[in-house]
PDB file of N, CA and C in Angstrom:
ATOM      1  N   MET A   1     158.154 -47.096 108.093  1.00  0.00           N
ATOM      2  CA  MET A   1     158.592 -48.337 108.698  1.00  0.00           C
ATOM      3  C   MET A   1     157.656 -48.661 109.862  1.00  0.00           C
ATOM      4  N   LYS A   2     157.244 -49.909 109.899  1.00  0.00           N
ATOM      5  CA  LYS A   2     156.362 -50.365 110.974  1.00  0.00           C
ATOM      6  C   LYS A   2     157.187 -50.714 112.208  1.00  0.00           C
ATOM      7  N   MET A   3     156.521 -50.718 113.343  1.00  0.00           N
ATOM      8  CA  MET A   3     157.186 -51.031 114.615  1.00  0.00           C
ATOM      9  C   MET A   3     156.335 -52.029 115.393  1.00  0.00           C
ATOM     10  N   GLU A   4     155.969 -53.114 114.717  1.00  0.00           N
ATOM     11  CA  GLU A   4     155.057 -54.088 115.292  1.00  0.00           C
ATOM     12  C   GLU A   4     155.741 -55.320 115.874  1.00  0.00           C
ATOM     13  N   LEU A   5     157.003 -55.549 115.542  1.00  0.00           N
ATOM     14  CA  LEU A   5     157.701 -56.720 116.072  1.00  0.00           C
ATOM     15  C   LEU A   5     157.924 -56.546 117.574  1.00  0.00           C
ATOM     16  N   THR A   6     157.772 -57.627 118.313  1.00  0.00           N
ATOM     17  CA  THR A   6     157.911 -57.539 119.771  1.00  0.00           C
ATOM     18  C   THR A   6     159.079 -58.351 120.319  1.00  0.00           C
ATOM     19  N   GLN A   7     159.651 -59.216 119.488  1.00  0.00           N
ATOM     20  CA  GLN A   7     160.794 -60.018 119.926  1.00  0.00           C
ATOM     21  C   GLN A   7     161.729 -60.230 118.750  1.00  0.00           C
ATOM     22  N   PRO A   8     163.001 -60.433 119.032  1.00  0.00           N
ATOM     23  CA  PRO A   8     163.966 -60.597 117.943  1.00  0.00           C
ATOM     24  C   PRO A   8     163.778 -61.918 117.211  1.00  0.00           C
ATOM     25  N   CYS A   9     164.108 -61.912 115.927  1.00  0.00           N
ATOM     26  CA  CYS A   9     164.026 -63.148 115.143  1.00  0.00           C
ATOM     27  C   CYS A   9     165.140 -64.103 115.573  1.00  0.00           C
ATOM     28  N   SER A  10     165.122 -65.292 115.047  1.00  0.00           N
ATOM     29  CA  SER A  10     166.057 -66.331 115.500  1.00  0.00           C
ATOM     30  C   SER A  10     167.518 -66.015 115.211  1.00  0.00           C
ATOM     31  N   ASN A  11     167.813 -65.222 114.208  1.00  0.00           N
ATOM     32  CA  ASN A  11     169.202 -64.881 113.923  1.00  0.00           C
ATOM     33  C   ASN A  11     169.451 -63.375 113.959  1.00  0.00           C
ATOM     34  N   CYS A  12     168.740 -62.709 114.824  1.00  0.00           N
ATOM     35  CA  CYS A  12     168.897 -61.265 115.027  1.00  0.00           C
ATOM     36  C   CYS A  12     170.301 -60.980 115.574  1.00  0.00           C
ATOM     37  N   PRO A  13     171.016 -60.021 115.007  1.00  0.00           N
ATOM     38  CA  PRO A  13     172.367 -59.733 115.493  1.00  0.00           C
ATOM     39  C   PRO A  13     172.414 -59.142 116.904  1.00  0.00           C
ATOM     40  N   PHE A  14     171.280 -58.758 117.446  1.00  0.00           N
ATOM     41  CA  PHE A  14     171.239 -58.191 118.796  1.00  0.00           C
ATOM     42  C   PHE A  14     171.011 -59.253 119.872  1.00  0.00           C
ATOM     43  N   ARG A  15     170.840 -60.502 119.463  1.00  0.00           N
ATOM     44  CA  ARG A  15     170.625 -61.599 120.405  1.00  0.00           C
ATOM     45  C   ARG A  15     171.937 -62.013 121.065  1.00  0.00           C
ATOM     46  N   THR A  16     171.861 -62.341 122.340  1.00  0.00           N
ATOM     47  CA  THR A  16     173.045 -62.797 123.072  1.00  0.00           C
ATOM     48  C   THR A  16     173.449 -64.217 122.672  1.00  0.00           C
ATOM     49  N   ASP A  17     172.526 -64.976 122.134  1.00  0.00           N
ATOM     50  CA  ASP A  17     172.830 -66.361 121.760  1.00  0.00           C
ATOM     51  C   ASP A  17     173.170 -66.518 120.271  1.00  0.00           C
ATOM     52  N   VAL A  18     173.444 -65.406 119.589  1.00  0.00           N
ATOM     53  CA  VAL A  18     173.884 -65.415 118.198  1.00  0.00           C
ATOM     54  C   VAL A  18     175.208 -64.670 118.156  1.00  0.00           C
ATOM     55  N   LYS A  19     176.296 -65.394 118.355  1.00  0.00           N
ATOM     56  CA  LYS A  19     177.612 -64.763 118.453  1.00  0.00           C
ATOM     57  C   LYS A  19     178.379 -64.845 117.143  1.00  0.00           C
ATOM     58  N   GLY A  20     179.259 -63.863 116.931  1.00  0.00           N
ATOM     59  CA  GLY A  20     180.094 -63.866 115.751  1.00  0.00           C
ATOM     60  C   GLY A  20     179.361 -63.518 114.473  1.00  0.00           C
ATOM     61  N   TYR A  21     178.156 -63.013 114.582  1.00  0.00           N
ATOM     62  CA  TYR A  21     177.326 -62.679 113.434  1.00  0.00           C
ATOM     63  C   TYR A  21     177.867 -61.454 112.692  1.00  0.00           C
ATOM     64  N   LEU A  22     178.378 -60.487 113.429  1.00  0.00           N
ATOM     65  CA  LEU A  22     178.893 -59.236 112.871  1.00  0.00           C
ATOM     66  C   LEU A  22     180.339 -59.022 113.296  1.00  0.00           C
ATOM     67  N   THR A  23     181.021 -58.151 112.580  1.00  0.00           N
ATOM     68  CA  THR A  23     182.349 -57.758 113.023  1.00  0.00           C
ATOM     69  C   THR A  23     182.207 -56.711 114.123  1.00  0.00           C
ATOM     70  N   LYS A  24     183.261 -56.535 114.903  1.00  0.00           N
ATOM     71  CA  LYS A  24     183.237 -55.512 115.949  1.00  0.00           C
ATOM     72  C   LYS A  24     183.028 -54.136 115.348  1.00  0.00           C
ATOM     73  N   SER A  25     183.633 -53.880 114.197  1.00  0.00           N
ATOM     74  CA  SER A  25     183.476 -52.565 113.566  1.00  0.00           C
ATOM     75  C   SER A  25     182.037 -52.349 113.101  1.00  0.00           C
ATOM     76  N   ARG A  26     181.360 -53.413 112.671  1.00  0.00           N
ATOM     77  CA  ARG A  26     179.957 -53.260 112.261  1.00  0.00           C
ATOM     78  C   ARG A  26     179.081 -52.953 113.468  1.00  0.00           C
ATOM     79  N   VAL A  27     179.363 -53.555 114.606  1.00  0.00           N
ATOM     80  CA  VAL A  27     178.600 -53.252 115.820  1.00  0.00           C
ATOM     81  C   VAL A  27     178.813 -51.789 116.203  1.00  0.00           C
ATOM     82  N   ARG A  28     180.039 -51.308 116.083  1.00  0.00           N
ATOM     83  CA  ARG A  28     180.311 -49.891 116.375  1.00  0.00           C
ATOM     84  C   ARG A  28     179.544 -48.977 115.418  1.00  0.00           C
ATOM     85  N   GLU A  29     179.458 -49.374 114.144  1.00  0.00           N
ATOM     86  CA  GLU A  29     178.675 -48.610 113.171  1.00  0.00           C
ATOM     87  C   GLU A  29     177.197 -48.583 113.562  1.00  0.00           C
ATOM     88  N   LEU A  30     176.687 -49.736 113.992  1.00  0.00           N
ATOM     89  CA  LEU A  30     175.287 -49.799 114.425  1.00  0.00           C
ATOM     90  C   LEU A  30     175.051 -48.904 115.633  1.00  0.00           C
ATOM     91  N   ARG A  31     175.968 -48.949 116.591  1.00  0.00           N
ATOM     92  CA  ARG A  31     175.838 -48.102 117.781  1.00  0.00           C
ATOM     93  C   ARG A  31     175.812 -46.634 117.376  1.00  0.00           C
ATOM     94  N   PHE A  32     176.741 -46.223 116.520  1.00  0.00           N
ATOM     95  CA  PHE A  32     176.802 -44.837 116.071  1.00  0.00           C
ATOM     96  C   PHE A  32     175.507 -44.444 115.357  1.00  0.00           C
ATOM     97  N   GLY A  33     175.042 -45.312 114.461  1.00  0.00           N
ATOM     98  CA  GLY A  33     173.823 -45.020 113.721  1.00  0.00           C
ATOM     99  C   GLY A  33     172.596 -44.930 114.597  1.00  0.00           C
ATOM    100  N   LEU A  34     172.425 -45.906 115.479  1.00  0.00           N
ATOM    101  CA  LEU A  34     171.226 -45.955 116.316  1.00  0.00           C
ATOM    102  C   LEU A  34     171.219 -44.908 117.427  1.00  0.00           C
ATOM    103  N   VAL A  35     172.374 -44.665 118.037  1.00  0.00           N
ATOM    104  CA  VAL A  35     172.423 -43.769 119.195  1.00  0.00           C
ATOM    105  C   VAL A  35     172.760 -42.333 118.780  1.00  0.00           C
ATOM    106  N   GLN A  36     173.878 -42.152 118.088  1.00  0.00           N
ATOM    107  CA  GLN A  36     174.296 -40.790 117.748  1.00  0.00           C
ATOM    108  C   GLN A  36     173.475 -40.195 116.595  1.00  0.00           C
ATOM    109  N   GLN A  37     173.250 -40.979 115.550  1.00  0.00           N
ATOM    110  CA  GLN A  37     172.537 -40.462 114.382  1.00  0.00           C
ATOM    111  C   GLN A  37     171.028 -40.648 114.459  1.00  0.00           C
ATOM    112  N   GLN A  38     170.556 -41.373 115.478  1.00  0.00           N
ATOM    113  CA  GLN A  38     169.121 -41.609 115.654  1.00  0.00           C
ATOM    114  C   GLN A  38     168.505 -42.330 114.460  1.00  0.00           C
ATOM    115  N   SER A  39     169.276 -43.203 113.825  1.00  0.00           N
ATOM    116  CA  SER A  39     168.810 -43.951 112.664  1.00  0.00           C
ATOM    117  C   SER A  39     167.886 -45.083 113.083  1.00  0.00           C
ATOM    118  N   SER A  40     167.128 -45.557 112.134  1.00  0.00           N
ATOM    119  CA  SER A  40     166.337 -46.753 112.360  1.00  0.00           C
ATOM    120  C   SER A  40     167.141 -47.948 111.858  1.00  0.00           C
ATOM    121  N   PHE A  41     166.696 -49.139 112.198  1.00  0.00           N
ATOM    122  CA  PHE A  41     167.372 -50.352 111.751  1.00  0.00           C
ATOM    123  C   PHE A  41     166.286 -51.373 111.458  1.00  0.00           C
ATOM    124  N   SER A  42     166.124 -51.691 110.197  1.00  0.00           N
ATOM    125  CA  SER A  42     165.037 -52.593 109.825  1.00  0.00           C
ATOM    126  C   SER A  42     165.442 -54.056 109.980  1.00  0.00           C
ATOM    127  N   CYS A  43     164.457 -54.857 110.293  1.00  0.00           N
ATOM    128  CA  CYS A  43     164.655 -56.308 110.416  1.00  0.00           C
ATOM    129  C   CYS A  43     164.929 -56.869 109.028  1.00  0.00           C
ATOM    130  N   HIS A  44     166.027 -57.591 108.896  1.00  0.00           N
ATOM    131  CA  HIS A  44     166.411 -58.134 107.600  1.00  0.00           C
ATOM    132  C   HIS A  44     165.370 -59.095 107.024  1.00  0.00           C
ATOM    133  N   LYS A  45     164.574 -59.688 107.879  1.00  0.00           N
ATOM    134  CA  LYS A  45     163.568 -60.631 107.397  1.00  0.00           C
ATOM    135  C   LYS A  45     162.350 -59.930 106.797  1.00  0.00           C
ATOM    136  N   THR A  46     162.237 -58.616 107.004  1.00  0.00           N
ATOM    137  CA  THR A  46     161.079 -57.888 106.477  1.00  0.00           C
ATOM    138  C   THR A  46     161.438 -57.004 105.290  1.00  0.00           C
ATOM    139  N   ASN A  47     162.705 -56.986 104.893  1.00  0.00           N
ATOM    140  CA  ASN A  47     163.144 -56.186 103.751  1.00  0.00           C
ATOM    141  C   ASN A  47     163.127 -56.995 102.471  1.00  0.00           C
ATOM    142  N   LYS A  48     163.163 -56.267 101.378  1.00  0.00           N
ATOM    143  CA  LYS A  48     163.377 -56.870 100.067  1.00  0.00           C
ATOM    144  C   LYS A  48     164.776 -56.458  99.642  1.00  0.00           C
ATOM    145  N   PHE A  49     165.329 -57.169  98.679  1.00  0.00           N
ATOM    146  CA  PHE A  49     166.688 -56.894  98.238  1.00  0.00           C
ATOM    147  C   PHE A  49     166.758 -56.841  96.714  1.00  0.00           C
ATOM    148  N   THR A  50     167.650 -55.994  96.216  1.00  0.00           N
ATOM    149  CA  THR A  50     167.893 -55.929  94.777  1.00  0.00           C
ATOM    150  C   THR A  50     168.740 -57.124  94.370  1.00  0.00           C
ATOM    151  N   ASP A  51     168.932 -57.300  93.073  1.00  0.00           N
ATOM    152  CA  ASP A  51     169.795 -58.373  92.576  1.00  0.00           C
ATOM    153  C   ASP A  51     171.231 -58.197  93.047  1.00  0.00           C
ATOM    154  N   ASP A  52     171.621 -56.948  93.356  1.00  0.00           N
ATOM    155  CA  ASP A  52     172.970 -56.651  93.846  1.00  0.00           C
ATOM    156  C   ASP A  52     173.098 -56.797  95.352  1.00  0.00           C
ATOM    157  N   GLY A  53     172.000 -57.173  96.028  1.00  0.00           N
ATOM    158  CA  GLY A  53     172.042 -57.350  97.473  1.00  0.00           C
ATOM    159  C   GLY A  53     171.765 -56.094  98.273  1.00  0.00           C
ATOM    160  N   GLU A  54     171.392 -55.007  97.594  1.00  0.00           N
ATOM    161  CA  GLU A  54     171.064 -53.764  98.304  1.00  0.00           C
ATOM    162  C   GLU A  54     169.700 -53.900  98.972  1.00  0.00           C
ATOM    163  N   THR A  55     169.593 -53.338 100.171  1.00  0.00           N
ATOM    164  CA  THR A  55     168.345 -53.396 100.928  1.00  0.00           C
ATOM    165  C   THR A  55     167.320 -52.430 100.354  1.00  0.00           C
ATOM    166  N   ILE A  56     166.097 -52.902 100.240  1.00  0.00           N
ATOM    167  CA  ILE A  56     164.981 -52.052  99.834  1.00  0.00           C
ATOM    168  C   ILE A  56     163.963 -52.082 100.969  1.00  0.00           C
ATOM    169  N   GLU A  57     163.794 -50.955 101.622  1.00  0.00           N
ATOM    170  CA  GLU A  57     162.760 -50.863 102.646  1.00  0.00           C
ATOM    171  C   GLU A  57     161.480 -50.402 101.966  1.00  0.00           C
ATOM    172  N   ASP A  58     160.367 -51.015 102.336  1.00  0.00           N
ATOM    173  CA  ASP A  58     159.085 -50.601 101.790  1.00  0.00           C
ATOM    174  C   ASP A  58     158.067 -50.486 102.913  1.00  0.00           C
ATOM    175  N   SER A  59     156.814 -50.362 102.570  1.00  0.00           N
ATOM    176  CA  SER A  59     155.775 -50.149 103.577  1.00  0.00           C
ATOM    177  C   SER A  59     155.598 -51.341 104.512  1.00  0.00           C
ATOM    178  N   ASN A  60     156.144 -52.494 104.153  1.00  0.00           N
ATOM    179  CA  ASN A  60     156.048 -53.673 105.015  1.00  0.00           C
ATOM    180  C   ASN A  60     157.282 -53.882 105.885  1.00  0.00           C
ATOM    181  N   SER A  61     158.301 -53.059 105.709  1.00  0.00           N
ATOM    182  CA  SER A  61     159.520 -53.202 106.518  1.00  0.00           C
ATOM    183  C   SER A  61     159.211 -52.896 107.975  1.00  0.00           C
ATOM    184  N   GLN A  62     159.839 -53.668 108.850  1.00  0.00           N
ATOM    185  CA  GLN A  62     159.641 -53.525 110.289  1.00  0.00           C
ATOM    186  C   GLN A  62     160.951 -53.099 110.947  1.00  0.00           C
ATOM    187  N   HIS A  63     160.854 -52.280 111.977  1.00  0.00           N
ATOM    188  CA  HIS A  63     162.043 -51.938 112.757  1.00  0.00           C
ATOM    189  C   HIS A  63     162.453 -53.190 113.521  1.00  0.00           C
ATOM    190  N   CYS A  64     163.752 -53.439 113.588  1.00  0.00           N
ATOM    191  CA  CYS A  64     164.284 -54.615 114.272  1.00  0.00           C
ATOM    192  C   CYS A  64     163.908 -54.590 115.756  1.00  0.00           C
ATOM    193  N   ALA A  65     163.263 -55.650 116.211  1.00  0.00           N
ATOM    194  CA  ALA A  65     162.853 -55.730 117.620  1.00  0.00           C
ATOM    195  C   ALA A  65     164.065 -55.812 118.541  1.00  0.00           C
ATOM    196  N   GLY A  66     165.106 -56.529 118.122  1.00  0.00           N
ATOM    197  CA  GLY A  66     166.317 -56.620 118.939  1.00  0.00           C
ATOM    198  C   GLY A  66     166.935 -55.257 119.170  1.00  0.00           C
ATOM    199  N   ALA A  67     166.982 -54.447 118.128  1.00  0.00           N
ATOM    200  CA  ALA A  67     167.521 -53.085 118.256  1.00  0.00           C
ATOM    201  C   ALA A  67     166.646 -52.252 119.187  1.00  0.00           C
ATOM    202  N   MET A  68     165.326 -52.376 119.054  1.00  0.00           N
ATOM    203  CA  MET A  68     164.428 -51.604 119.929  1.00  0.00           C
ATOM    204  C   MET A  68     164.592 -52.018 121.385  1.00  0.00           C
ATOM    205  N   ILE A  69     164.710 -53.317 121.639  1.00  0.00           N
ATOM    206  CA  ILE A  69     164.874 -53.799 123.012  1.00  0.00           C
ATOM    207  C   ILE A  69     166.174 -53.267 123.598  1.00  0.00           C
ATOM    208  N   LEU A  70     167.265 -53.357 122.840  1.00  0.00           N
ATOM    209  CA  LEU A  70     168.550 -52.849 123.328  1.00  0.00           C
ATOM    210  C   LEU A  70     168.473 -51.353 123.605  1.00  0.00           C
ATOM    211  N   LEU A  71     167.881 -50.581 122.705  1.00  0.00           N
ATOM    212  CA  LEU A  71     167.761 -49.144 122.926  1.00  0.00           C
ATOM    213  C   LEU A  71     166.892 -48.833 124.144  1.00  0.00           C
ATOM    214  N   GLU A  72     165.848 -49.608 124.351  1.00  0.00           N
ATOM    215  CA  GLU A  72     164.997 -49.397 125.537  1.00  0.00           C
ATOM    216  C   GLU A  72     165.762 -49.756 126.808  1.00  0.00           C
ATOM    217  N   LYS A  73     166.561 -50.813 126.765  1.00  0.00           N
ATOM    218  CA  LYS A  73     167.376 -51.167 127.935  1.00  0.00           C
ATOM    219  C   LYS A  73     168.320 -50.028 128.300  1.00  0.00           C
ATOM    220  N   LEU A  74     168.820 -49.322 127.275  1.00  0.00           N
ATOM    221  CA  LEU A  74     169.727 -48.195 127.493  1.00  0.00           C
ATOM    222  C   LEU A  74     168.980 -46.902 127.814  1.00  0.00           C
ATOM    223  N   ASN A  75     167.654 -46.966 127.763  1.00  0.00           N
ATOM    224  CA  ASN A  75     166.816 -45.778 127.942  1.00  0.00           C
ATOM    225  C   ASN A  75     167.159 -44.717 126.883  1.00  0.00           C
ATOM    226  N   LYS A  76     167.390 -45.217 125.636  1.00  0.00           N
ATOM    227  CA  LYS A  76     167.739 -44.335 124.529  1.00  0.00           C
ATOM    228  C   LYS A  76     166.948 -44.700 123.270  1.00  0.00           C
ATOM    229  N   PRO A  77     165.616 -44.696 123.354  1.00  0.00           N
ATOM    230  CA  PRO A  77     164.868 -44.995 122.135  1.00  0.00           C
ATOM    231  C   PRO A  77     165.215 -43.963 121.059  1.00  0.00           C
ATOM    232  N   ASN A  78     165.331 -44.424 119.806  1.00  0.00           N
ATOM    233  CA  ASN A  78     165.709 -43.490 118.750  1.00  0.00           C
ATOM    234  C   ASN A  78     164.529 -42.602 118.355  1.00  0.00           C
ATOM    235  N   GLN A  79     164.824 -41.657 117.492  1.00  0.00           N
ATOM    236  CA  GLN A  79     163.822 -40.665 117.121  1.00  0.00           C
ATOM    237  C   GLN A  79     162.570 -41.302 116.522  1.00  0.00           C
ATOM    238  N   LEU A  80     162.742 -42.284 115.639  1.00  0.00           N
ATOM    239  CA  LEU A  80     161.592 -42.941 115.030  1.00  0.00           C
ATOM    240  C   LEU A  80     160.735 -43.636 116.083  1.00  0.00           C
ATOM    241  N   MET A  81     161.362 -44.256 117.055  1.00  0.00           N
ATOM    242  CA  MET A  81     160.616 -44.924 118.120  1.00  0.00           C
ATOM    243  C   MET A  81     159.806 -43.906 118.917  1.00  0.00           C
ATOM    244  N   ARG A  82     160.415 -42.782 119.244  1.00  0.00           N
ATOM    245  CA  ARG A  82     159.714 -41.756 120.028  1.00  0.00           C
ATOM    246  C   ARG A  82     158.553 -41.141 119.245  1.00  0.00           C
ATOM    247  N   ILE A  83     158.781 -40.852 117.983  1.00  0.00           N
ATOM    248  CA  ILE A  83     157.713 -40.272 117.155  1.00  0.00           C
ATOM    249  C   ILE A  83     156.586 -41.282 116.971  1.00  0.00           C
ATOM    250  N   SER A  84     156.945 -42.523 116.660  1.00  0.00           N
ATOM    251  CA  SER A  84     155.930 -43.566 116.467  1.00  0.00           C
ATOM    252  C   SER A  84     155.114 -43.791 117.732  1.00  0.00           C
ATOM    253  N   GLU A  85     155.780 -43.685 118.889  1.00  0.00           N
ATOM    254  CA  GLU A  85     155.056 -43.834 120.151  1.00  0.00           C
ATOM    255  C   GLU A  85     154.011 -42.728 120.303  1.00  0.00           C
ATOM    256  N   ARG A  86     154.398 -41.504 119.994  1.00  0.00           N
ATOM    257  CA  ARG A  86     153.453 -40.376 120.102  1.00  0.00           C
ATOM    258  C   ARG A  86     152.274 -40.522 119.153  1.00  0.00           C
ATOM    259  N   LEU A  87     152.515 -41.156 118.004  1.00  0.00           N
ATOM    260  CA  LEU A  87     151.465 -41.328 117.000  1.00  0.00           C
ATOM    261  C   LEU A  87     150.682 -42.625 117.177  1.00  0.00           C
ATOM    262  N   GLY A  88     151.033 -43.411 118.184  1.00  0.00           N
ATOM    263  CA  GLY A  88     150.316 -44.649 118.469  1.00  0.00           C
ATOM    264  C   GLY A  88     150.780 -45.858 117.673  1.00  0.00           C
ATOM    265  N   GLY A  89     151.917 -45.752 116.996  1.00  0.00           N
ATOM    266  CA  GLY A  89     152.407 -46.863 116.198  1.00  0.00           C
ATOM    267  C   GLY A  89     153.450 -47.717 116.892  1.00  0.00           C
ATOM    268  N   TYR A  90     153.796 -47.368 118.125  1.00  0.00           N
ATOM    269  CA  TYR A  90     154.806 -48.115 118.880  1.00  0.00           C
ATOM    270  C   TYR A  90     154.464 -48.052 120.354  1.00  0.00           C
ATOM    271  N   ASP A  91     154.545 -49.206 120.995  1.00  0.00           N
ATOM    272  CA  ASP A  91     154.292 -49.279 122.434  1.00  0.00           C
ATOM    273  C   ASP A  91     155.369 -50.175 123.040  1.00  0.00           C
ATOM    274  N   MET A  92     156.320 -49.548 123.725  1.00  0.00           N
ATOM    275  CA  MET A  92     157.444 -50.312 124.286  1.00  0.00           C
ATOM    276  C   MET A  92     156.996 -51.382 125.268  1.00  0.00           C
ATOM    277  N   ARG A  93     155.824 -51.241 125.854  1.00  0.00           N
ATOM    278  CA  ARG A  93     155.331 -52.245 126.806  1.00  0.00           C
ATOM    279  C   ARG A  93     155.043 -53.582 126.135  1.00  0.00           C
ATOM    280  N   LYS A  94     154.913 -53.583 124.805  1.00  0.00           N
ATOM    281  CA  LYS A  94     154.655 -54.820 124.075  1.00  0.00           C
ATOM    282  C   LYS A  94     155.936 -55.585 123.759  1.00  0.00           C
ATOM    283  N   LEU A  95     157.088 -54.944 123.912  1.00  0.00           N
ATOM    284  CA  LEU A  95     158.350 -55.615 123.642  1.00  0.00           C
ATOM    285  C   LEU A  95     158.595 -56.731 124.657  1.00  0.00           C
ATOM    286  N   LYS A  96     159.123 -57.832 124.204  1.00  0.00           N
ATOM    287  CA  LYS A  96     159.493 -58.949 125.090  1.00  0.00           C
ATOM    288  C   LYS A  96     160.881 -58.629 125.645  1.00  0.00           C
ATOM    289  N   MET A  97     160.885 -57.860 126.732  1.00  0.00           N
ATOM    290  CA  MET A  97     162.139 -57.362 127.297  1.00  0.00           C
ATOM    291  C   MET A  97     162.998 -58.474 127.891  1.00  0.00           C
ATOM    292  N   ASP A  98     162.418 -59.650 128.114  1.00  0.00           N
ATOM    293  CA  ASP A  98     163.205 -60.767 128.636  1.00  0.00           C
ATOM    294  C   ASP A  98     163.817 -61.614 127.508  1.00  0.00           C
ATOM    295  N   SER A  99     163.696 -61.137 126.273  1.00  0.00           N
ATOM    296  CA  SER A  99     164.329 -61.825 125.144  1.00  0.00           C
ATOM    297  C   SER A  99     165.844 -61.801 125.319  1.00  0.00           C
ATOM    298  N   PRO A 100     166.544 -62.780 124.735  1.00  0.00           N
ATOM    299  CA  PRO A 100     168.005 -62.823 124.872  1.00  0.00           C
ATOM    300  C   PRO A 100     168.678 -61.747 124.003  1.00  0.00           C
ATOM    301  N   VAL A 101     168.631 -60.512 124.495  1.00  0.00           N
ATOM    302  CA  VAL A 101     169.208 -59.364 123.795  1.00  0.00           C
ATOM    303  C   VAL A 101     170.255 -58.730 124.711  1.00  0.00           C
ATOM    304  N   PHE A 102     171.348 -58.271 124.117  1.00  0.00           N
ATOM    305  CA  PHE A 102     172.406 -57.631 124.896  1.00  0.00           C
ATOM    306  C   PHE A 102     171.866 -56.467 125.707  1.00  0.00           C
ATOM    307  N   ASP A 103     172.515 -56.199 126.841  1.00  0.00           N
ATOM    308  CA  ASP A 103     172.140 -55.073 127.696  1.00  0.00           C
ATOM    309  C   ASP A 103     172.740 -53.768 127.210  1.00  0.00           C
ATOM    310  N   ASN A 104     173.836 -53.863 126.462  1.00  0.00           N
ATOM    311  CA  ASN A 104     174.492 -52.660 125.949  1.00  0.00           C
ATOM    312  C   ASN A 104     175.377 -53.043 124.762  1.00  0.00           C
ATOM    313  N   PHE A 105     175.857 -52.031 124.056  1.00  0.00           N
ATOM    314  CA  PHE A 105     176.676 -52.281 122.875  1.00  0.00           C
ATOM    315  C   PHE A 105     178.056 -52.826 123.235  1.00  0.00           C
ATOM    316  N   GLU A 106     178.565 -52.495 124.399  1.00  0.00           N
ATOM    317  CA  GLU A 106     179.868 -53.004 124.815  1.00  0.00           C
ATOM    318  C   GLU A 106     179.842 -54.527 124.932  1.00  0.00           C
ATOM    319  N   GLN A 107     178.773 -55.056 125.519  1.00  0.00           N
ATOM    320  CA  GLN A 107     178.615 -56.516 125.589  1.00  0.00           C
ATOM    321  C   GLN A 107     178.554 -57.116 124.190  1.00  0.00           C
ATOM    322  N   MET A 108     177.848 -56.446 123.321  1.00  0.00           N
ATOM    323  CA  MET A 108     177.688 -56.925 121.953  1.00  0.00           C
ATOM    324  C   MET A 108     179.041 -56.945 121.231  1.00  0.00           C
ATOM    325  N   ILE A 109     179.835 -55.891 121.419  1.00  0.00           N
ATOM    326  CA  ILE A 109     181.159 -55.817 120.791  1.00  0.00           C
ATOM    327  C   ILE A 109     182.055 -56.929 121.331  1.00  0.00           C
ATOM    328  N   LYS A 110     182.073 -57.126 122.638  1.00  0.00           N
ATOM    329  CA  LYS A 110     182.931 -58.144 123.260  1.00  0.00           C
ATOM    330  C   LYS A 110     182.563 -59.551 122.799  1.00  0.00           C
ATOM    331  N   SER A 111     181.307 -59.775 122.461  1.00  0.00           N
ATOM    332  CA  SER A 111     180.869 -61.116 122.082  1.00  0.00           C
ATOM    333  C   SER A 111     181.273 -61.493 120.658  1.00  0.00           C
ATOM    334  N   GLN A 112     181.629 -60.519 119.864  1.00  0.00           N
ATOM    335  CA  GLN A 112     181.970 -60.782 118.454  1.00  0.00           C
ATOM    336  C   GLN A 112     183.388 -61.343 118.365  1.00  0.00           C
ATOM    337  N   GLU A 113     183.530 -62.354 117.594  1.00  0.00           N
ATOM    338  CA  GLU A 113     184.827 -63.026 117.471  1.00  0.00           C
ATOM    339  C   GLU A 113     185.724 -62.377 116.434  1.00  0.00           C
ATOM    340  N   ARG A 114     185.157 -61.629 115.524  1.00  0.00           N
ATOM    341  CA  ARG A 114     185.945 -61.021 114.456  1.00  0.00           C
ATOM    342  C   ARG A 114     186.278 -59.590 114.745  1.00  0.00           C
TER     343      ARG A 114
END
């Protein structure tokens, strides 16, 4: 997975100006995956999908910039981010940290209407 995106896309679920995009339980799942399980989260605009709607990540898939910004704000970059940084494939200084991204998962959960 590439880590070249520097700002969230227009309908990134991590944006503060995109409300009600996910359920509260889905945000909790994302928090658990990204923080506790150290999972990656690919940008939906860079994935391919099967006819059944299943996500297919390939060599062109990018890690979600919104997720990276939120994790950096929390000072909790995930394992892939840390490894990619050591290998020269990720530089947090390139992230647009002033993008409209939540400061923490609690804010993100509170903003969801469902």
